[in-house]
């Protein structure tokens, strides 16, 4: 009897493992995969929104996924509080328990976001990620226009205008929502990252 029970437990464990593998493999149907970045919603544990954003930002930097996961955002709104007859404007999360991710959905980016500590899954039927529509994005104050530039992370660019004019550097990070590129410049004897507007730089052809 003990041997039979042991075999049943082993079969159950194998079944669970198979389901987990299937979930990972089937998380993205072929039609869900796209080369165009869209906004997706990740569900988080309550109170973990900022931690999830920080963890994701760090993972993006460490794995050099800046060109696939473009931005992680915790939408905030101004709320007027009245205490003891005094008005005070404070910022509150618009959607507690959710984080917005602007990303190119593929197996790698799905895995990175889904396995970030604090994330419980994507918003969508059967946990399959469904991008936000333009109508859903508009109230959030997120710009949806596509920005095309002729350089990417790792390219050398020259600053042709602004405060850092005549400076050159390697692109470390790109923020399409803010339309900026981050390069390292020497400041006070050490390299310091600075953000430069897309409009103020051009690629240096090797």
C-alpha atoms as a PDB file:
ATOM      1  CA  UNK A   1       0.000   0.000   0.000  1.00  0.00           C
ATOM      2  CA  UNK A   2       2.817   2.360   0.868  1.00  0.00           C
ATOM      3  CA  UNK A   3       4.529   1.593  -2.460  1.00  0.00           C
ATOM      4  CA  UNK A   4       1.295   2.269  -4.364  1.00  0.00           C
ATOM      5  CA  UNK A   5       0.782   5.577  -2.521  1.00  0.00           C
ATOM      6  CA  UNK A   6       4.382   6.568  -3.301  1.00  0.00           C
ATOM      7  CA  UNK A   7       3.831   5.863  -7.002  1.00  0.00           C
ATOM      8  CA  UNK A   8       0.619   7.932  -6.995  1.00  0.00           C
ATOM      9  CA  UNK A   9       2.420  10.882  -5.393  1.00  0.00           C
ATOM     10  CA  UNK A  10       5.223  10.616  -7.955  1.00  0.00           C
ATOM     11  CA  UNK A  11       2.727  10.595 -10.832  1.00  0.00           C
ATOM     12  CA  UNK A  12       0.936  13.626  -9.358  1.00  0.00           C
ATOM     13  CA  UNK A  13       4.212  15.525  -9.055  1.00  0.00           C
ATOM     14  CA  UNK A  14       5.120  14.702 -12.665  1.00  0.00           C
ATOM     15  CA  UNK A  15       1.679  15.883 -13.748  1.00  0.00           C
ATOM     16  CA  UNK A  16       2.142  19.230 -11.957  1.00  0.00           C
ATOM     17  CA  UNK A  17       5.591  19.670 -13.499  1.00  0.00           C
ATOM     18  CA  UNK A  18       4.187  18.929 -16.942  1.00  0.00           C
ATOM     19  CA  UNK A  19       1.433  21.498 -16.427  1.00  0.00           C
ATOM     20  CA  UNK A  20       3.991  24.122 -15.370  1.00  0.00           C
ATOM     21  CA  UNK A  21       6.105  23.422 -18.447  1.00  0.00           C
ATOM     22  CA  UNK A  22       3.024  23.566 -20.639  1.00  0.00           C
ATOM     23  CA  UNK A  23       1.994  26.881 -19.077  1.00  0.00           C
ATOM     24  CA  UNK A  24       5.431  28.320 -19.791  1.00  0.00           C
ATOM     25  CA  UNK A  25       5.488  27.023 -23.356  1.00  0.00           C
ATOM     26  CA  UNK A  26       1.891  27.947 -24.159  1.00  0.00           C
ATOM     27  CA  UNK A  27       1.870  31.290 -22.387  1.00  0.00           C
ATOM     28  CA  UNK A  28       2.237  33.014 -25.720  1.00  0.00           C
ATOM     29  CA  UNK A  29       0.327  31.732 -28.692  1.00  0.00           C
ATOM     30  CA  UNK A  30       1.997  32.487 -32.055  1.00  0.00           C
ATOM     31  CA  UNK A  31      -0.505  35.229 -32.759  1.00  0.00           C
ATOM     32  CA  UNK A  32       0.399  36.934 -29.465  1.00  0.00           C
ATOM     33  CA  UNK A  33       4.042  37.366 -30.396  1.00  0.00           C
ATOM     34  CA  UNK A  34       4.908  40.653 -32.050  1.00  0.00           C
ATOM     35  CA  UNK A  35       7.938  42.759 -32.900  1.00  0.00           C
ATOM     36  CA  UNK A  36       6.091  45.969 -32.029  1.00  0.00           C
ATOM     37  CA  UNK A  37       6.156  47.328 -28.503  1.00  0.00           C
ATOM     38  CA  UNK A  38       2.773  47.626 -26.793  1.00  0.00           C
ATOM     39  CA  UNK A  39       1.579  48.432 -23.280  1.00  0.00           C
ATOM     40  CA  UNK A  40       0.696  45.435 -21.116  1.00  0.00           C
ATOM     41  CA  UNK A  41      -0.605  45.230 -17.557  1.00  0.00           C
ATOM     42  CA  UNK A  42       1.098  43.057 -14.945  1.00  0.00           C
ATOM     43  CA  UNK A  43      -0.732  42.197 -11.738  1.00  0.00           C
ATOM     44  CA  UNK A  44       1.287  42.522  -8.533  1.00  0.00           C
ATOM     45  CA  UNK A  45       0.878  41.847  -4.859  1.00  0.00           C
ATOM     46  CA  UNK A  46      -0.699  44.821  -3.110  1.00  0.00           C
ATOM     47  CA  UNK A  47       1.928  47.358  -2.134  1.00  0.00           C
ATOM     48  CA  UNK A  48       4.596  45.797  -4.368  1.00  0.00           C
ATOM     49  CA  UNK A  49       4.083  48.080  -7.377  1.00  0.00           C
ATOM     50  CA  UNK A  50       7.187  50.222  -6.830  1.00  0.00           C
ATOM     51  CA  UNK A  51       9.297  47.205  -5.843  1.00  0.00           C
ATOM     52  CA  UNK A  52       8.252  45.406  -9.022  1.00  0.00           C
ATOM     53  CA  UNK A  53       9.179  48.454 -11.089  1.00  0.00           C
ATOM     54  CA  UNK A  54      12.589  48.709  -9.387  1.00  0.00           C
ATOM     55  CA  UNK A  55      13.265  44.976  -9.794  1.00  0.00           C
ATOM     56  CA  UNK A  56      12.232  45.023 -13.438  1.00  0.00           C
ATOM     57  CA  UNK A  57      14.308  48.116 -14.212  1.00  0.00           C
ATOM     58  CA  UNK A  58      17.346  46.404 -12.681  1.00  0.00           C
ATOM     59  CA  UNK A  59      16.746  43.180 -14.627  1.00  0.00           C
ATOM     60  CA  UNK A  60      16.325  45.126 -17.870  1.00  0.00           C
ATOM     61  CA  UNK A  61      19.664  46.826 -17.259  1.00  0.00           C
ATOM     62  CA  UNK A  62      21.478  43.629 -16.255  1.00  0.00           C
ATOM     63  CA  UNK A  63      20.163  41.612 -19.206  1.00  0.00           C
ATOM     64  CA  UNK A  64      20.452  44.496 -21.687  1.00  0.00           C
ATOM     65  CA  UNK A  65      16.782  44.301 -22.620  1.00  0.00           C
ATOM     66  CA  UNK A  66      16.359  48.059 -23.075  1.00  0.00           C
ATOM     67  CA  UNK A  67      15.339  47.587 -26.709  1.00  0.00           C
ATOM     68  CA  UNK A  68      12.661  45.008 -25.802  1.00  0.00           C
ATOM     69  CA  UNK A  69      11.245  46.253 -22.491  1.00  0.00           C
ATOM     70  CA  UNK A  70      11.113  49.988 -23.064  1.00  0.00           C
ATOM     71  CA  UNK A  71       9.443  51.278 -19.902  1.00  0.00           C
ATOM     72  CA  UNK A  72       7.890  50.149 -16.622  1.00  0.00           C
ATOM     73  CA  UNK A  73       5.383  52.566 -15.163  1.00  0.00           C
ATOM     74  CA  UNK A  74       3.319  52.864 -11.988  1.00  0.00           C
ATOM     75  CA  UNK A  75       0.651  55.445 -13.001  1.00  0.00           C
ATOM     76  CA  UNK A  76       0.069  58.152 -10.398  1.00  0.00           C
ATOM     77  CA  UNK A  77      -2.616  60.785 -10.017  1.00  0.00           C
ATOM     78  CA  UNK A  78      -2.881  63.937  -7.936  1.00  0.00           C
ATOM     79  CA  UNK A  79      -5.458  63.712  -5.172  1.00  0.00           C
ATOM     80  CA  UNK A  80      -6.525  66.631  -2.984  1.00  0.00           C
ATOM     81  CA  UNK A  81      -6.758  65.735   0.686  1.00  0.00           C
ATOM     82  CA  UNK A  82      -8.414  67.961   3.260  1.00  0.00           C
ATOM     83  CA  UNK A  83      -7.169  67.571   6.827  1.00  0.00           C
ATOM     84  CA  UNK A  84      -7.964  69.948   9.678  1.00  0.00           C
ATOM     85  CA  UNK A  85      -9.371  72.399   7.156  1.00  0.00           C
ATOM     86  CA  UNK A  86      -6.159  72.457   5.096  1.00  0.00           C
ATOM     87  CA  UNK A  87      -5.939  71.226   1.521  1.00  0.00           C
ATOM     88  CA  UNK A  88      -2.964  69.186   0.460  1.00  0.00           C
ATOM     89  CA  UNK A  89      -2.237  67.611  -2.938  1.00  0.00           C
ATOM     90  CA  UNK A  90      -0.714  64.154  -2.774  1.00  0.00           C
ATOM     91  CA  UNK A  91       0.075  61.519  -5.386  1.00  0.00           C
ATOM     92  CA  UNK A  92      -1.737  58.223  -5.267  1.00  0.00           C
ATOM     93  CA  UNK A  93      -1.433  55.115  -7.437  1.00  0.00           C
ATOM     94  CA  UNK A  94      -4.123  55.103 -10.114  1.00  0.00           C
ATOM     95  CA  UNK A  95      -4.286  51.295 -10.174  1.00  0.00           C
ATOM     96  CA  UNK A  96      -3.113  49.702  -6.909  1.00  0.00           C
ATOM     97  CA  UNK A  97      -1.896  46.178  -7.601  1.00  0.00           C
ATOM     98  CA  UNK A  98      -0.972  46.814 -11.232  1.00  0.00           C
ATOM     99  CA  UNK A  99       2.116  47.888 -13.173  1.00  0.00           C
ATOM    100  CA  UNK A 100       2.193  48.960 -16.818  1.00  0.00           C
ATOM    101  CA  UNK A 101       4.955  47.573 -19.027  1.00  0.00           C
ATOM    102  CA  UNK A 102       5.791  48.921 -22.496  1.00  0.00           C
ATOM    103  CA  UNK A 103       7.398  45.935 -24.176  1.00  0.00           C
ATOM    104  CA  UNK A 104       7.855  43.773 -27.230  1.00  0.00           C
ATOM    105  CA  UNK A 105       6.073  40.593 -26.233  1.00  0.00           C
ATOM    106  CA  UNK A 106       8.090  37.439 -26.820  1.00  0.00           C
ATOM    107  CA  UNK A 107       9.088  34.369 -24.820  1.00  0.00           C
ATOM    108  CA  UNK A 108      12.086  36.098 -23.197  1.00  0.00           C
ATOM    109  CA  UNK A 109      10.305  39.289 -22.135  1.00  0.00           C
ATOM    110  CA  UNK A 110       7.244  37.333 -20.962  1.00  0.00           C
ATOM    111  CA  UNK A 111       9.496  35.169 -18.798  1.00  0.00           C
ATOM    112  CA  UNK A 112      11.381  38.136 -17.325  1.00  0.00           C
ATOM    113  CA  UNK A 113       8.227  40.029 -16.318  1.00  0.00           C
ATOM    114  CA  UNK A 114       6.271  36.970 -15.198  1.00  0.00           C
ATOM    115  CA  UNK A 115       9.115  35.793 -12.952  1.00  0.00           C
ATOM    116  CA  UNK A 116       9.843  39.158 -11.356  1.00  0.00           C
ATOM    117  CA  UNK A 117       9.328  38.982  -7.600  1.00  0.00           C
ATOM    118  CA  UNK A 118       5.941  40.423  -6.705  1.00  0.00           C
ATOM    119  CA  UNK A 119       4.323  39.783 -10.102  1.00  0.00           C
ATOM    120  CA  UNK A 120       1.415  37.344 -10.065  1.00  0.00           C
ATOM    121  CA  UNK A 121       0.659  37.371 -13.781  1.00  0.00           C
ATOM    122  CA  UNK A 122      -0.451  39.377 -16.784  1.00  0.00           C
ATOM    123  CA  UNK A 123      -3.924  40.795 -17.249  1.00  0.00           C
ATOM    124  CA  UNK A 124      -5.745  38.901 -19.967  1.00  0.00           C
ATOM    125  CA  UNK A 125      -7.961  35.868 -20.551  1.00  0.00           C
ATOM    126  CA  UNK A 126      -6.322  32.781 -19.122  1.00  0.00           C
ATOM    127  CA  UNK A 127      -3.378  34.966 -18.024  1.00  0.00           C
ATOM    128  CA  UNK A 128      -2.402  35.444 -21.671  1.00  0.00           C
ATOM    129  CA  UNK A 129      -1.079  38.988 -22.053  1.00  0.00           C
ATOM    130  CA  UNK A 130      -3.436  41.315 -23.901  1.00  0.00           C
ATOM    131  CA  UNK A 131      -2.100  44.763 -24.886  1.00  0.00           C
ATOM    132  CA  UNK A 132      -3.992  47.896 -23.930  1.00  0.00           C
ATOM    133  CA  UNK A 133      -5.903  49.591 -26.727  1.00  0.00           C
ATOM    134  CA  UNK A 134      -5.321  53.232 -27.670  1.00  0.00           C
ATOM    135  CA  UNK A 135      -8.646  54.095 -26.005  1.00  0.00           C
ATOM    136  CA  UNK A 136      -7.495  52.474 -22.757  1.00  0.00           C
ATOM    137  CA  UNK A 137      -4.082  54.151 -22.893  1.00  0.00           C
ATOM    138  CA  UNK A 138      -5.320  57.691 -23.590  1.00  0.00           C
ATOM    139  CA  UNK A 139      -6.704  58.431 -20.069  1.00  0.00           C
ATOM    140  CA  UNK A 140      -3.339  57.396 -18.596  1.00  0.00           C
ATOM    141  CA  UNK A 141      -1.531  60.238 -20.310  1.00  0.00           C
ATOM    142  CA  UNK A 142       0.712  57.837 -22.222  1.00  0.00           C
ATOM    143  CA  UNK A 143       1.813  58.880 -25.675  1.00  0.00           C
ATOM    144  CA  UNK A 144       1.262  56.162 -28.248  1.00  0.00           C
ATOM    145  CA  UNK A 145       3.031  57.566 -31.260  1.00  0.00           C
ATOM    146  CA  UNK A 146       5.922  55.494 -32.522  1.00  0.00           C
ATOM    147  CA  UNK A 147       9.348  57.121 -32.487  1.00  0.00           C
ATOM    148  CA  UNK A 148      11.916  55.908 -35.022  1.00  0.00           C
ATOM    149  CA  UNK A 149      15.623  56.622 -34.615  1.00  0.00           C
ATOM    150  CA  UNK A 150      18.644  55.342 -36.541  1.00  0.00           C
ATOM    151  CA  UNK A 151      20.601  54.215 -33.480  1.00  0.00           C
ATOM    152  CA  UNK A 152      20.203  51.705 -30.669  1.00  0.00           C
ATOM    153  CA  UNK A 153      21.792  50.616 -27.407  1.00  0.00           C
ATOM    154  CA  UNK A 154      25.510  50.039 -27.987  1.00  0.00           C
ATOM    155  CA  UNK A 155      25.853  52.581 -30.813  1.00  0.00           C
ATOM    156  CA  UNK A 156      28.107  55.616 -30.503  1.00  0.00           C
ATOM    157  CA  UNK A 157      26.303  58.939 -30.819  1.00  0.00           C
ATOM    158  CA  UNK A 158      27.354  62.577 -30.928  1.00  0.00           C
ATOM    159  CA  UNK A 159      25.446  65.334 -29.153  1.00  0.00           C
ATOM    160  CA  UNK A 160      24.822  68.155 -31.642  1.00  0.00           C
ATOM    161  CA  UNK A 161      22.749  70.533 -29.502  1.00  0.00           C
ATOM    162  CA  UNK A 162      21.855  71.403 -25.927  1.00  0.00           C
ATOM    163  CA  UNK A 163      23.918  71.460 -22.748  1.00  0.00           C
ATOM    164  CA  UNK A 164      26.086  68.487 -23.750  1.00  0.00           C
ATOM    165  CA  UNK A 165      26.811  69.659 -27.320  1.00  0.00           C
ATOM    166  CA  UNK A 166      30.069  68.296 -28.800  1.00  0.00           C
ATOM    167  CA  UNK A 167      29.980  65.326 -26.402  1.00  0.00           C
ATOM    168  CA  UNK A 168      30.034  61.751 -27.687  1.00  0.00           C
ATOM    169  CA  UNK A 169      29.243  58.474 -25.992  1.00  0.00           C
ATOM    170  CA  UNK A 170      27.880  54.955 -26.248  1.00  0.00           C
ATOM    171  CA  UNK A 171      24.108  54.575 -25.851  1.00  0.00           C
ATOM    172  CA  UNK A 172      23.480  52.780 -22.539  1.00  0.00           C
ATOM    173  CA  UNK A 173      19.707  53.028 -22.450  1.00  0.00           C
ATOM    174  CA  UNK A 174      16.828  54.364 -24.545  1.00  0.00           C
ATOM    175  CA  UNK A 175      13.520  55.678 -23.220  1.00  0.00           C
ATOM    176  CA  UNK A 176      11.016  55.932 -26.042  1.00  0.00           C
ATOM    177  CA  UNK A 177       8.287  57.409 -23.848  1.00  0.00           C
ATOM    178  CA  UNK A 178      10.551  60.339 -22.918  1.00  0.00           C
ATOM    179  CA  UNK A 179      12.361  60.243 -26.282  1.00  0.00           C
ATOM    180  CA  UNK A 180      15.772  60.256 -24.624  1.00  0.00           C
ATOM    181  CA  UNK A 181      19.000  58.286 -24.874  1.00  0.00           C
ATOM    182  CA  UNK A 182      21.334  57.778 -21.903  1.00  0.00           C
ATOM    183  CA  UNK A 183      25.087  58.008 -22.420  1.00  0.00           C
ATOM    184  CA  UNK A 184      28.007  58.190 -19.988  1.00  0.00           C
ATOM    185  CA  UNK A 185      29.953  61.453 -19.879  1.00  0.00           C
ATOM    186  CA  UNK A 186      32.989  62.327 -17.806  1.00  0.00           C
ATOM    187  CA  UNK A 187      31.990  64.592 -14.947  1.00  0.00           C
ATOM    188  CA  UNK A 188      34.210  65.466 -11.988  1.00  0.00           C
ATOM    189  CA  UNK A 189      36.694  62.809 -13.017  1.00  0.00           C
ATOM    190  CA  UNK A 190      34.273  59.933 -13.347  1.00  0.00           C
ATOM    191  CA  UNK A 191      31.705  58.639 -15.820  1.00  0.00           C
ATOM    192  CA  UNK A 192      28.174  59.804 -15.123  1.00  0.00           C
ATOM    193  CA  UNK A 193      25.025  58.758 -17.022  1.00  0.00           C
ATOM    194  CA  UNK A 194      23.071  61.619 -18.598  1.00  0.00           C
ATOM    195  CA  UNK A 195      19.847  61.666 -20.616  1.00  0.00           C
ATOM    196  CA  UNK A 196      19.910  63.388 -24.002  1.00  0.00           C
ATOM    197  CA  UNK A 197      16.892  64.124 -26.186  1.00  0.00           C
ATOM    198  CA  UNK A 198      16.648  62.098 -29.402  1.00  0.00           C
ATOM    199  CA  UNK A 199      16.461  65.421 -31.250  1.00  0.00           C
ATOM    200  CA  UNK A 200      19.884  66.480 -29.953  1.00  0.00           C
ATOM    201  CA  UNK A 201      21.943  63.494 -31.053  1.00  0.00           C
ATOM    202  CA  UNK A 202      23.047  61.720 -34.200  1.00  0.00           C
ATOM    203  CA  UNK A 203      24.710  58.374 -34.760  1.00  0.00           C
ATOM    204  CA  UNK A 204      28.428  58.270 -35.449  1.00  0.00           C
ATOM    205  CA  UNK A 205      29.039  55.927 -38.366  1.00  0.00           C
ATOM    206  CA  UNK A 206      32.090  53.755 -37.860  1.00  0.00           C
END
